[in-house]
Amino acid sequence: MFKALGKKWGGKLEFTLFSLPVLICIAVAFYIPFAMTIRYSLTKWNGISKHPKFIGLDNFKQIFLNDANFTSSAWFTIKYAVLYIVLVNVLAIGLAVLLDMKLRTTSWLRAAFFIPYILSLVIVGFIWKFIFMQGFESLGESTGWGIFDLSWLGTPGLAFVSILLVSIWQSIGFYLVIYIAGLQSVPGDLKEAATVDGAGPFRTFFNITLPLLAPSITIAVFMALTNSIKVFDVILSLTGGGPGGSTYSIAYDIYRDTFQNNLYGYGTAKALILFVAVLFITIIQLTLFKRREVEA
């Protein structure tokens, strides 16, 4: 009996010793900073003074009632997120279906679509900024096409489209890989049975392939949702929030208030709101999509 108890407590001690370093690292990297975020969100702090002034919920009242920049940046983020999620997933599924076929250039095309994802969004933003400002000017002169003479980064509507297109171009390879893996897990027997029953390619895709892609769609939509709500890098390098602040996302607005205007307490409150919003939306998305997976 005592021997059994000794083994039991020895096992618990061993488990504690091996898991303690991991728990300490998680606490230092996440839980402690998160607790400090909550604390600073309730203060007025410029990031320099040793004693932040406690002001309670005044930061949150200011954000929701009197901050026009937060409202406009939230609307921009919502529009961007909806369009990005829909377009990148539809295009990725279409390309995945094409690249899942037995083509000679399939491997080369997969690599070509995935290479932009390896690059940093900051670098991609600067590359496309050069293309929009100078490359399009040269193309307009050589082709005479009016589309190249448009101010792609100087007009609010076109600047939004530019950010969306660059983001999709850079990241579509990642979602393409997810959907190709999903397509390769679809049993070929089901497709053959549908063909024998007289189903055409489109009906086979929508009735057989697409429902079986539900797990891949759940993962891809989840990643697209979280990445689009937190969009920052491409805006910083491509438009800098311009023209006239029309391309401020919530993340960029947080960066501007915190590091440019030295409103660390105010910016931290916005960051906390963004965290709660992302958490709430992703929980709803995963719940709904997992339910559809079971039904499929």
C-alpha atoms as a PDB file:
ATOM      1  CA  MET A   1       0.000   0.000   0.000  1.00  0.00           C
ATOM      2  CA  PHE A   2       2.736   2.472   1.009  1.00  0.00           C
ATOM      3  CA  LYS A   3       4.709   1.458  -2.040  1.00  0.00           C
ATOM      4  CA  ALA A   4       1.721   2.196  -4.275  1.00  0.00           C
ATOM      5  CA  LEU A   5       1.216   5.591  -2.609  1.00  0.00           C
ATOM      6  CA  GLY A   6       4.914   6.360  -3.036  1.00  0.00           C
ATOM      7  CA  LYS A   7       4.714   5.603  -6.768  1.00  0.00           C
ATOM      8  CA  LYS A   8       1.583   7.736  -7.077  1.00  0.00           C
ATOM      9  CA  TRP A   9       3.103  10.784  -5.371  1.00  0.00           C
ATOM     10  CA  GLY A  10       6.385  10.217  -7.180  1.00  0.00           C
ATOM     11  CA  GLY A  11       4.572  10.295 -10.496  1.00  0.00           C
ATOM     12  CA  LYS A  12       2.773  13.524  -9.557  1.00  0.00           C
ATOM     13  CA  LEU A  13       6.041  15.105  -8.441  1.00  0.00           C
ATOM     14  CA  GLU A  14       7.743  14.095 -11.675  1.00  0.00           C
ATOM     15  CA  PHE A  15       4.853  15.497 -13.718  1.00  0.00           C
ATOM     16  CA  THR A  16       4.988  18.769 -11.762  1.00  0.00           C
ATOM     17  CA  LEU A  17       8.745  19.156 -12.194  1.00  0.00           C
ATOM     18  CA  PHE A  18       8.571  18.614 -15.957  1.00  0.00           C
ATOM     19  CA  SER A  19       5.502  20.798 -16.536  1.00  0.00           C
ATOM     20  CA  LEU A  20       6.530  23.671 -14.214  1.00  0.00           C
ATOM     21  CA  PRO A  21       9.033  25.284 -16.667  1.00  0.00           C
ATOM     22  CA  VAL A  22       6.379  25.265 -19.396  1.00  0.00           C
ATOM     23  CA  LEU A  23       3.789  26.809 -17.070  1.00  0.00           C
ATOM     24  CA  ILE A  24       6.263  29.510 -16.023  1.00  0.00           C
ATOM     25  CA  CYS A  25       7.028  30.338 -19.664  1.00  0.00           C
ATOM     26  CA  ILE A  26       3.308  30.540 -20.524  1.00  0.00           C
ATOM     27  CA  ALA A  27       2.669  32.760 -17.504  1.00  0.00           C
ATOM     28  CA  VAL A  28       5.548  35.102 -18.398  1.00  0.00           C
ATOM     29  CA  ALA A  29       4.643  35.231 -22.103  1.00  0.00           C
ATOM     30  CA  PHE A  30       0.849  35.438 -21.847  1.00  0.00           C
ATOM     31  CA  TYR A  31      -0.911  35.578 -18.485  1.00  0.00           C
ATOM     32  CA  ILE A  32       1.235  38.239 -16.810  1.00  0.00           C
ATOM     33  CA  PRO A  33       1.213  40.581 -19.859  1.00  0.00           C
ATOM     34  CA  PHE A  34      -2.552  40.038 -20.197  1.00  0.00           C
ATOM     35  CA  ALA A  35      -3.084  40.995 -16.547  1.00  0.00           C
ATOM     36  CA  MET A  36      -0.908  44.077 -17.075  1.00  0.00           C
ATOM     37  CA  THR A  37      -2.950  44.946 -20.178  1.00  0.00           C
ATOM     38  CA  ILE A  38      -6.145  44.937 -18.118  1.00  0.00           C
ATOM     39  CA  ARG A  39      -4.466  47.094 -15.488  1.00  0.00           C
ATOM     40  CA  TYR A  40      -3.077  49.682 -17.944  1.00  0.00           C
ATOM     41  CA  SER A  41      -6.380  49.872 -19.831  1.00  0.00           C
ATOM     42  CA  LEU A  42      -7.872  51.434 -16.684  1.00  0.00           C
ATOM     43  CA  THR A  43      -5.207  54.150 -16.472  1.00  0.00           C
ATOM     44  CA  LYS A  44      -4.077  57.324 -18.184  1.00  0.00           C
ATOM     45  CA  TRP A  45      -0.425  56.640 -19.038  1.00  0.00           C
ATOM     46  CA  ASN A  46       2.069  58.054 -21.506  1.00  0.00           C
ATOM     47  CA  GLY A  47       4.409  55.067 -21.347  1.00  0.00           C
ATOM     48  CA  ILE A  48       7.108  57.015 -19.507  1.00  0.00           C
ATOM     49  CA  SER A  49       5.830  57.999 -16.069  1.00  0.00           C
ATOM     50  CA  LYS A  50       6.371  55.508 -13.253  1.00  0.00           C
ATOM     51  CA  HIS A  51       2.914  55.975 -11.762  1.00  0.00           C
ATOM     52  CA  PRO A  52       0.016  55.682 -14.250  1.00  0.00           C
ATOM     53  CA  LYS A  53      -3.102  57.574 -13.189  1.00  0.00           C
ATOM     54  CA  PHE A  54      -6.058  55.304 -12.479  1.00  0.00           C
ATOM     55  CA  ILE A  55      -9.174  56.547 -14.298  1.00  0.00           C
ATOM     56  CA  GLY A  56     -11.407  53.470 -14.215  1.00  0.00           C
ATOM     57  CA  LEU A  57     -13.546  52.889 -17.314  1.00  0.00           C
ATOM     58  CA  ASP A  58     -13.043  56.370 -18.779  1.00  0.00           C
ATOM     59  CA  ASN A  59     -10.897  55.003 -21.632  1.00  0.00           C
ATOM     60  CA  PHE A  60     -13.647  52.618 -22.713  1.00  0.00           C
ATOM     61  CA  LYS A  61     -16.313  55.348 -22.481  1.00  0.00           C
ATOM     62  CA  GLN A  62     -14.162  57.608 -24.662  1.00  0.00           C
ATOM     63  CA  ILE A  63     -13.597  54.830 -27.213  1.00  0.00           C
ATOM     64  CA  PHE A  64     -17.249  53.878 -27.644  1.00  0.00           C
ATOM     65  CA  LEU A  65     -18.847  57.326 -27.317  1.00  0.00           C
ATOM     66  CA  ASN A  66     -16.416  59.956 -28.617  1.00  0.00           C
ATOM     67  CA  ASP A  67     -13.744  58.293 -30.768  1.00  0.00           C
ATOM     68  CA  ALA A  68     -14.623  58.764 -34.455  1.00  0.00           C
ATOM     69  CA  ASN A  69     -11.329  57.187 -35.540  1.00  0.00           C
ATOM     70  CA  PHE A  70     -12.165  53.964 -33.715  1.00  0.00           C
ATOM     71  CA  THR A  71     -15.604  53.820 -35.346  1.00  0.00           C
ATOM     72  CA  SER A  72     -14.232  54.363 -38.852  1.00  0.00           C
ATOM     73  CA  SER A  73     -11.358  51.911 -38.328  1.00  0.00           C
ATOM     74  CA  ALA A  74     -13.810  49.300 -37.002  1.00  0.00           C
ATOM     75  CA  TRP A  75     -16.003  49.742 -40.092  1.00  0.00           C
ATOM     76  CA  PHE A  76     -12.942  49.458 -42.356  1.00  0.00           C
ATOM     77  CA  THR A  77     -11.859  46.274 -40.562  1.00  0.00           C
ATOM     78  CA  ILE A  78     -15.329  44.713 -40.860  1.00  0.00           C
ATOM     79  CA  LYS A  79     -15.528  45.435 -44.608  1.00  0.00           C
ATOM     80  CA  TYR A  80     -12.011  44.180 -45.159  1.00  0.00           C
ATOM     81  CA  ALA A  81     -12.548  41.013 -43.099  1.00  0.00           C
ATOM     82  CA  VAL A  82     -15.796  40.027 -44.858  1.00  0.00           C
ATOM     83  CA  LEU A  83     -14.415  40.556 -48.369  1.00  0.00           C
ATOM     84  CA  TYR A  84     -11.062  38.965 -47.554  1.00  0.00           C
ATOM     85  CA  ILE A  85     -12.598  35.835 -46.007  1.00  0.00           C
ATOM     86  CA  VAL A  86     -15.012  35.299 -48.898  1.00  0.00           C
ATOM     87  CA  LEU A  87     -12.624  36.075 -51.755  1.00  0.00           C
ATOM     88  CA  VAL A  88      -9.524  34.289 -50.475  1.00  0.00           C
ATOM     89  CA  ASN A  89     -11.452  31.115 -49.670  1.00  0.00           C
ATOM     90  CA  VAL A  90     -13.430  31.023 -52.922  1.00  0.00           C
ATOM     91  CA  LEU A  91     -10.300  31.645 -54.997  1.00  0.00           C
ATOM     92  CA  ALA A  92      -8.258  29.146 -52.970  1.00  0.00           C
ATOM     93  CA  ILE A  93     -10.896  26.418 -53.423  1.00  0.00           C
ATOM     94  CA  GLY A  94     -11.082  27.084 -57.177  1.00  0.00           C
ATOM     95  CA  LEU A  95      -7.303  27.005 -57.572  1.00  0.00           C
ATOM     96  CA  ALA A  96      -7.040  23.912 -55.368  1.00  0.00           C
ATOM     97  CA  VAL A  97      -9.494  22.050 -57.611  1.00  0.00           C
ATOM     98  CA  LEU A  98      -7.448  23.002 -60.695  1.00  0.00           C
ATOM     99  CA  LEU A  99      -4.094  22.162 -59.113  1.00  0.00           C
ATOM    100  CA  ASP A 100      -5.415  18.847 -57.797  1.00  0.00           C
ATOM    101  CA  MET A 101      -5.709  17.666 -61.377  1.00  0.00           C
ATOM    102  CA  LYS A 102      -2.898  15.694 -62.978  1.00  0.00           C
ATOM    103  CA  LEU A 103      -1.180  18.501 -64.855  1.00  0.00           C
ATOM    104  CA  ARG A 104       2.449  18.666 -65.908  1.00  0.00           C
ATOM    105  CA  THR A 105       2.973  22.058 -64.292  1.00  0.00           C
ATOM    106  CA  THR A 106       1.078  21.313 -61.057  1.00  0.00           C
ATOM    107  CA  SER A 107       4.175  21.260 -58.825  1.00  0.00           C
ATOM    108  CA  TRP A 108       5.528  24.477 -60.330  1.00  0.00           C
ATOM    109  CA  LEU A 109       2.198  26.258 -59.987  1.00  0.00           C
ATOM    110  CA  ARG A 110       1.805  25.179 -56.355  1.00  0.00           C
ATOM    111  CA  ALA A 111       5.261  26.562 -55.568  1.00  0.00           C
ATOM    112  CA  ALA A 112       4.522  29.789 -57.462  1.00  0.00           C
ATOM    113  CA  PHE A 113       1.352  30.426 -55.454  1.00  0.00           C
ATOM    114  CA  PHE A 114       2.995  29.552 -52.127  1.00  0.00           C
ATOM    115  CA  ILE A 115       6.213  31.606 -52.503  1.00  0.00           C
ATOM    116  CA  PRO A 116       4.536  35.009 -51.798  1.00  0.00           C
ATOM    117  CA  TYR A 117       3.299  33.655 -48.450  1.00  0.00           C
ATOM    118  CA  ILE A 118       6.916  33.118 -47.367  1.00  0.00           C
ATOM    119  CA  LEU A 119       7.603  36.840 -47.756  1.00  0.00           C
ATOM    120  CA  SER A 120       6.865  39.282 -44.961  1.00  0.00           C
ATOM    121  CA  LEU A 121       3.752  41.408 -45.479  1.00  0.00           C
ATOM    122  CA  VAL A 122       5.857  44.517 -44.811  1.00  0.00           C
ATOM    123  CA  ILE A 123       8.191  43.626 -47.686  1.00  0.00           C
ATOM    124  CA  VAL A 124       5.241  42.713 -49.902  1.00  0.00           C
ATOM    125  CA  GLY A 125       3.631  46.061 -49.099  1.00  0.00           C
ATOM    126  CA  PHE A 126       6.726  48.025 -50.131  1.00  0.00           C
ATOM    127  CA  ILE A 127       7.085  45.971 -53.325  1.00  0.00           C
ATOM    128  CA  TRP A 128       3.482  46.621 -54.334  1.00  0.00           C
ATOM    129  CA  LYS A 129       3.765  50.284 -53.347  1.00  0.00           C
ATOM    130  CA  PHE A 130       6.532  50.604 -55.926  1.00  0.00           C
ATOM    131  CA  ILE A 131       4.389  48.744 -58.473  1.00  0.00           C
ATOM    132  CA  PHE A 132       1.315  50.920 -57.891  1.00  0.00           C
ATOM    133  CA  MET A 133       3.263  54.193 -57.950  1.00  0.00           C
ATOM    134  CA  GLN A 134       5.891  53.605 -60.637  1.00  0.00           C
ATOM    135  CA  GLY A 135       5.217  50.270 -62.297  1.00  0.00           C
ATOM    136  CA  PHE A 136       1.635  51.153 -63.209  1.00  0.00           C
ATOM    137  CA  GLU A 137       2.779  54.525 -64.564  1.00  0.00           C
ATOM    138  CA  SER A 138       5.176  52.791 -66.972  1.00  0.00           C
ATOM    139  CA  LEU A 139       2.530  50.253 -67.968  1.00  0.00           C
ATOM    140  CA  GLY A 140       0.033  53.063 -68.603  1.00  0.00           C
ATOM    141  CA  GLU A 141       2.477  54.843 -70.903  1.00  0.00           C
ATOM    142  CA  SER A 142       3.311  51.679 -72.854  1.00  0.00           C
ATOM    143  CA  THR A 143      -0.223  50.250 -73.146  1.00  0.00           C
ATOM    144  CA  GLY A 144      -2.425  53.326 -72.993  1.00  0.00           C
ATOM    145  CA  TRP A 145      -4.865  51.562 -70.662  1.00  0.00           C
ATOM    146  CA  GLY A 146      -6.657  53.959 -68.329  1.00  0.00           C
ATOM    147  CA  ILE A 147      -6.711  51.491 -65.438  1.00  0.00           C
ATOM    148  CA  PHE A 148      -2.994  52.044 -64.929  1.00  0.00           C
ATOM    149  CA  ASP A 149      -3.430  55.828 -64.747  1.00  0.00           C
ATOM    150  CA  LEU A 150      -5.722  55.625 -61.712  1.00  0.00           C
ATOM    151  CA  SER A 151      -4.442  56.772 -58.317  1.00  0.00           C
ATOM    152  CA  TRP A 152      -4.517  53.365 -56.660  1.00  0.00           C
ATOM    153  CA  LEU A 153      -3.055  54.571 -53.359  1.00  0.00           C
ATOM    154  CA  GLY A 154      -4.342  58.149 -53.440  1.00  0.00           C
ATOM    155  CA  THR A 155      -8.085  57.471 -53.627  1.00  0.00           C
ATOM    156  CA  PRO A 156      -9.875  56.025 -50.558  1.00  0.00           C
ATOM    157  CA  GLY A 157     -11.868  53.420 -52.497  1.00  0.00           C
ATOM    158  CA  LEU A 158      -8.958  52.272 -54.634  1.00  0.00           C
ATOM    159  CA  ALA A 159      -6.613  52.242 -51.622  1.00  0.00           C
ATOM    160  CA  PHE A 160      -9.000  49.816 -49.907  1.00  0.00           C
ATOM    161  CA  VAL A 161      -9.087  47.628 -53.025  1.00  0.00           C
ATOM    162  CA  SER A 162      -5.287  47.749 -53.260  1.00  0.00           C
ATOM    163  CA  ILE A 163      -4.855  46.547 -49.668  1.00  0.00           C
ATOM    164  CA  LEU A 164      -7.381  43.762 -50.247  1.00  0.00           C
ATOM    165  CA  LEU A 165      -5.771  42.589 -53.500  1.00  0.00           C
ATOM    166  CA  VAL A 166      -2.235  42.621 -52.089  1.00  0.00           C
ATOM    167  CA  SER A 167      -3.326  40.712 -48.978  1.00  0.00           C
ATOM    168  CA  ILE A 168      -5.062  38.045 -51.061  1.00  0.00           C
ATOM    169  CA  TRP A 169      -2.113  37.765 -53.456  1.00  0.00           C
ATOM    170  CA  GLN A 170       0.304  37.285 -50.565  1.00  0.00           C
ATOM    171  CA  SER A 171      -1.690  34.770 -48.531  1.00  0.00           C
ATOM    172  CA  ILE A 172      -3.686  32.707 -51.003  1.00  0.00           C
ATOM    173  CA  GLY A 173      -0.921  30.091 -51.223  1.00  0.00           C
ATOM    174  CA  PHE A 174      -1.389  29.217 -47.552  1.00  0.00           C
ATOM    175  CA  TYR A 175      -5.110  28.527 -47.956  1.00  0.00           C
ATOM    176  CA  LEU A 176      -4.398  26.732 -51.225  1.00  0.00           C
ATOM    177  CA  VAL A 177      -2.264  24.195 -49.361  1.00  0.00           C
ATOM    178  CA  ILE A 178      -5.052  23.607 -46.824  1.00  0.00           C
ATOM    179  CA  TYR A 179      -7.627  22.935 -49.532  1.00  0.00           C
ATOM    180  CA  ILE A 180      -5.333  20.725 -51.623  1.00  0.00           C
ATOM    181  CA  ALA A 181      -4.742  18.574 -48.530  1.00  0.00           C
ATOM    182  CA  GLY A 182      -8.512  18.436 -48.000  1.00  0.00           C
ATOM    183  CA  LEU A 183      -9.184  17.458 -51.619  1.00  0.00           C
ATOM    184  CA  GLN A 184      -6.639  14.660 -51.470  1.00  0.00           C
ATOM    185  CA  SER A 185      -8.459  13.194 -48.464  1.00  0.00           C
ATOM    186  CA  VAL A 186     -11.776  12.946 -50.366  1.00  0.00           C
ATOM    187  CA  PRO A 187     -12.352   9.278 -51.289  1.00  0.00           C
ATOM    188  CA  GLY A 188     -12.160   8.697 -55.030  1.00  0.00           C
ATOM    189  CA  ASP A 189     -14.806   5.956 -54.801  1.00  0.00           C
ATOM    190  CA  LEU A 190     -17.478   8.524 -53.962  1.00  0.00           C
ATOM    191  CA  LYS A 191     -16.617  10.631 -57.005  1.00  0.00           C
ATOM    192  CA  GLU A 192     -16.658   7.566 -59.248  1.00  0.00           C
ATOM    193  CA  ALA A 193     -20.018   6.489 -57.833  1.00  0.00           C
ATOM    194  CA  ALA A 194     -21.458   9.951 -58.478  1.00  0.00           C
ATOM    195  CA  THR A 195     -20.151   9.860 -62.056  1.00  0.00           C
ATOM    196  CA  VAL A 196     -21.678   6.415 -62.621  1.00  0.00           C
ATOM    197  CA  ASP A 197     -25.012   7.732 -61.317  1.00  0.00           C
ATOM    198  CA  GLY A 198     -24.899  10.445 -63.970  1.00  0.00           C
ATOM    199  CA  ALA A 199     -23.727  13.409 -61.926  1.00  0.00           C
ATOM    200  CA  GLY A 200     -21.722  16.007 -63.831  1.00  0.00           C
ATOM    201  CA  PRO A 201     -18.535  17.705 -62.585  1.00  0.00           C
ATOM    202  CA  PHE A 202     -20.373  20.619 -60.958  1.00  0.00           C
ATOM    203  CA  ARG A 203     -22.948  18.471 -59.218  1.00  0.00           C
ATOM    204  CA  THR A 204     -20.239  16.095 -58.014  1.00  0.00           C
ATOM    205  CA  PHE A 205     -18.261  19.004 -56.611  1.00  0.00           C
ATOM    206  CA  PHE A 206     -21.158  20.671 -54.770  1.00  0.00           C
ATOM    207  CA  ASN A 207     -22.794  17.455 -53.520  1.00  0.00           C
ATOM    208  CA  ILE A 208     -19.745  15.286 -52.770  1.00  0.00           C
ATOM    209  CA  THR A 209     -16.477  17.213 -52.682  1.00  0.00           C
ATOM    210  CA  LEU A 210     -17.540  20.466 -51.010  1.00  0.00           C
ATOM    211  CA  PRO A 211     -19.347  18.847 -48.021  1.00  0.00           C
ATOM    212  CA  LEU A 212     -16.304  16.634 -47.398  1.00  0.00           C
ATOM    213  CA  LEU A 213     -14.116  19.759 -47.443  1.00  0.00           C
ATOM    214  CA  ALA A 214     -15.916  21.062 -44.345  1.00  0.00           C
ATOM    215  CA  PRO A 215     -12.948  20.475 -41.937  1.00  0.00           C
ATOM    216  CA  SER A 216     -10.591  22.297 -44.311  1.00  0.00           C
ATOM    217  CA  ILE A 217     -13.082  25.144 -44.725  1.00  0.00           C
ATOM    218  CA  THR A 218     -13.374  25.472 -40.945  1.00  0.00           C
ATOM    219  CA  ILE A 219      -9.604  25.805 -40.549  1.00  0.00           C
ATOM    220  CA  ALA A 220      -9.185  28.159 -43.517  1.00  0.00           C
ATOM    221  CA  VAL A 221     -12.045  30.463 -42.493  1.00  0.00           C
ATOM    222  CA  PHE A 222     -10.749  30.541 -38.915  1.00  0.00           C
ATOM    223  CA  MET A 223      -7.271  31.566 -40.074  1.00  0.00           C
ATOM    224  CA  ALA A 224      -8.649  34.105 -42.551  1.00  0.00           C
ATOM    225  CA  LEU A 225     -10.927  35.585 -39.891  1.00  0.00           C
ATOM    226  CA  THR A 226      -8.238  36.077 -37.265  1.00  0.00           C
ATOM    227  CA  ASN A 227      -5.682  37.387 -39.786  1.00  0.00           C
ATOM    228  CA  SER A 228      -8.113  39.847 -41.386  1.00  0.00           C
ATOM    229  CA  ILE A 229      -9.323  41.324 -38.086  1.00  0.00           C
ATOM    230  CA  LYS A 230      -5.708  41.911 -37.030  1.00  0.00           C
ATOM    231  CA  VAL A 231      -4.567  43.365 -40.401  1.00  0.00           C
ATOM    232  CA  PHE A 232      -1.722  45.814 -39.843  1.00  0.00           C
ATOM    233  CA  ASP A 233       1.525  45.068 -41.720  1.00  0.00           C
ATOM    234  CA  VAL A 234       0.303  45.644 -45.256  1.00  0.00           C
ATOM    235  CA  ILE A 235      -1.423  48.903 -44.273  1.00  0.00           C
ATOM    236  CA  LEU A 236       1.714  50.201 -42.556  1.00  0.00           C
ATOM    237  CA  SER A 237       3.918  49.592 -45.597  1.00  0.00           C
ATOM    238  CA  LEU A 238       1.465  50.147 -48.459  1.00  0.00           C
ATOM    239  CA  THR A 239      -0.692  53.167 -47.542  1.00  0.00           C
ATOM    240  CA  GLY A 240       0.418  54.247 -44.051  1.00  0.00           C
ATOM    241  CA  GLY A 241      -3.266  54.601 -43.164  1.00  0.00           C
ATOM    242  CA  GLY A 242      -3.884  57.070 -45.991  1.00  0.00           C
ATOM    243  CA  PRO A 243      -5.242  58.782 -47.850  1.00  0.00           C
ATOM    244  CA  GLY A 244      -6.608  60.940 -45.038  1.00  0.00           C
ATOM    245  CA  GLY A 245      -6.904  58.077 -42.569  1.00  0.00           C
ATOM    246  CA  SER A 246      -9.342  56.168 -44.804  1.00  0.00           C
ATOM    247  CA  THR A 247      -7.421  52.903 -44.470  1.00  0.00           C
ATOM    248  CA  TYR A 248      -7.010  52.797 -40.705  1.00  0.00           C
ATOM    249  CA  SER A 249      -7.717  49.319 -39.363  1.00  0.00           C
ATOM    250  CA  ILE A 250      -8.318  48.730 -35.664  1.00  0.00           C
ATOM    251  CA  ALA A 251      -4.797  47.343 -35.243  1.00  0.00           C
ATOM    252  CA  TYR A 252      -3.283  50.340 -37.064  1.00  0.00           C
ATOM    253  CA  ASP A 253      -5.381  52.736 -34.982  1.00  0.00           C
ATOM    254  CA  ILE A 254      -4.077  51.045 -31.821  1.00  0.00           C
ATOM    255  CA  TYR A 255      -0.501  51.406 -33.090  1.00  0.00           C
ATOM    256  CA  ARG A 256      -1.033  55.090 -33.903  1.00  0.00           C
ATOM    257  CA  ASP A 257      -2.554  55.968 -30.525  1.00  0.00           C
ATOM    258  CA  THR A 258      -0.044  53.955 -28.521  1.00  0.00           C
ATOM    259  CA  PHE A 259       3.288  54.542 -30.209  1.00  0.00           C
ATOM    260  CA  GLN A 260       2.774  57.768 -32.149  1.00  0.00           C
ATOM    261  CA  ASN A 261       0.538  59.710 -29.763  1.00  0.00           C
ATOM    262  CA  ASN A 262       1.978  58.141 -26.562  1.00  0.00           C
ATOM    263  CA  LEU A 263      -1.500  57.257 -25.271  1.00  0.00           C
ATOM    264  CA  TYR A 264      -0.436  53.923 -23.851  1.00  0.00           C
ATOM    265  CA  GLY A 265      -3.374  53.489 -21.492  1.00  0.00           C
ATOM    266  CA  TYR A 266      -5.880  54.450 -24.186  1.00  0.00           C
ATOM    267  CA  GLY A 267      -4.235  52.235 -26.805  1.00  0.00           C
ATOM    268  CA  THR A 268      -4.134  49.322 -24.372  1.00  0.00           C
ATOM    269  CA  ALA A 269      -7.882  49.666 -23.811  1.00  0.00           C
ATOM    270  CA  LYS A 270      -8.424  49.449 -27.580  1.00  0.00           C
ATOM    271  CA  ALA A 271      -6.166  46.388 -27.749  1.00  0.00           C
ATOM    272  CA  LEU A 272      -8.216  44.718 -25.030  1.00  0.00           C
ATOM    273  CA  ILE A 273     -11.422  45.427 -26.951  1.00  0.00           C
ATOM    274  CA  LEU A 274      -9.863  43.909 -30.090  1.00  0.00           C
ATOM    275  CA  PHE A 275      -8.817  40.813 -28.140  1.00  0.00           C
ATOM    276  CA  VAL A 276     -12.327  40.283 -26.768  1.00  0.00           C
ATOM    277  CA  ALA A 277     -13.872  40.854 -30.213  1.00  0.00           C
ATOM    278  CA  VAL A 278     -11.545  38.347 -31.892  1.00  0.00           C
ATOM    279  CA  LEU A 279     -12.149  35.789 -29.140  1.00  0.00           C
ATOM    280  CA  PHE A 280     -15.930  36.182 -29.290  1.00  0.00           C
ATOM    281  CA  ILE A 281     -16.147  36.059 -33.105  1.00  0.00           C
ATOM    282  CA  THR A 282     -13.836  33.067 -33.478  1.00  0.00           C
ATOM    283  CA  ILE A 283     -15.748  31.081 -30.834  1.00  0.00           C
ATOM    284  CA  ILE A 284     -19.006  31.697 -32.740  1.00  0.00           C
ATOM    285  CA  GLN A 285     -17.385  30.829 -36.082  1.00  0.00           C
ATOM    286  CA  LEU A 286     -15.844  27.603 -34.837  1.00  0.00           C
ATOM    287  CA  THR A 287     -19.086  26.547 -33.125  1.00  0.00           C
ATOM    288  CA  LEU A 288     -21.182  27.102 -36.256  1.00  0.00           C
ATOM    289  CA  PHE A 289     -18.704  25.500 -38.654  1.00  0.00           C
ATOM    290  CA  LYS A 290     -18.077  22.481 -36.425  1.00  0.00           C
ATOM    291  CA  ARG A 291     -21.825  21.923 -36.277  1.00  0.00           C
ATOM    292  CA  ARG A 292     -21.967  21.977 -40.077  1.00  0.00           C
ATOM    293  CA  GLU A 293     -19.089  19.484 -40.211  1.00  0.00           C
ATOM    294  CA  VAL A 294     -21.118  17.025 -38.153  1.00  0.00           C
ATOM    295  CA  GLU A 295     -24.174  17.526 -40.374  1.00  0.00           C
ATOM    296  CA  ALA A 296     -22.054  17.046 -43.509  1.00  0.00           C
END
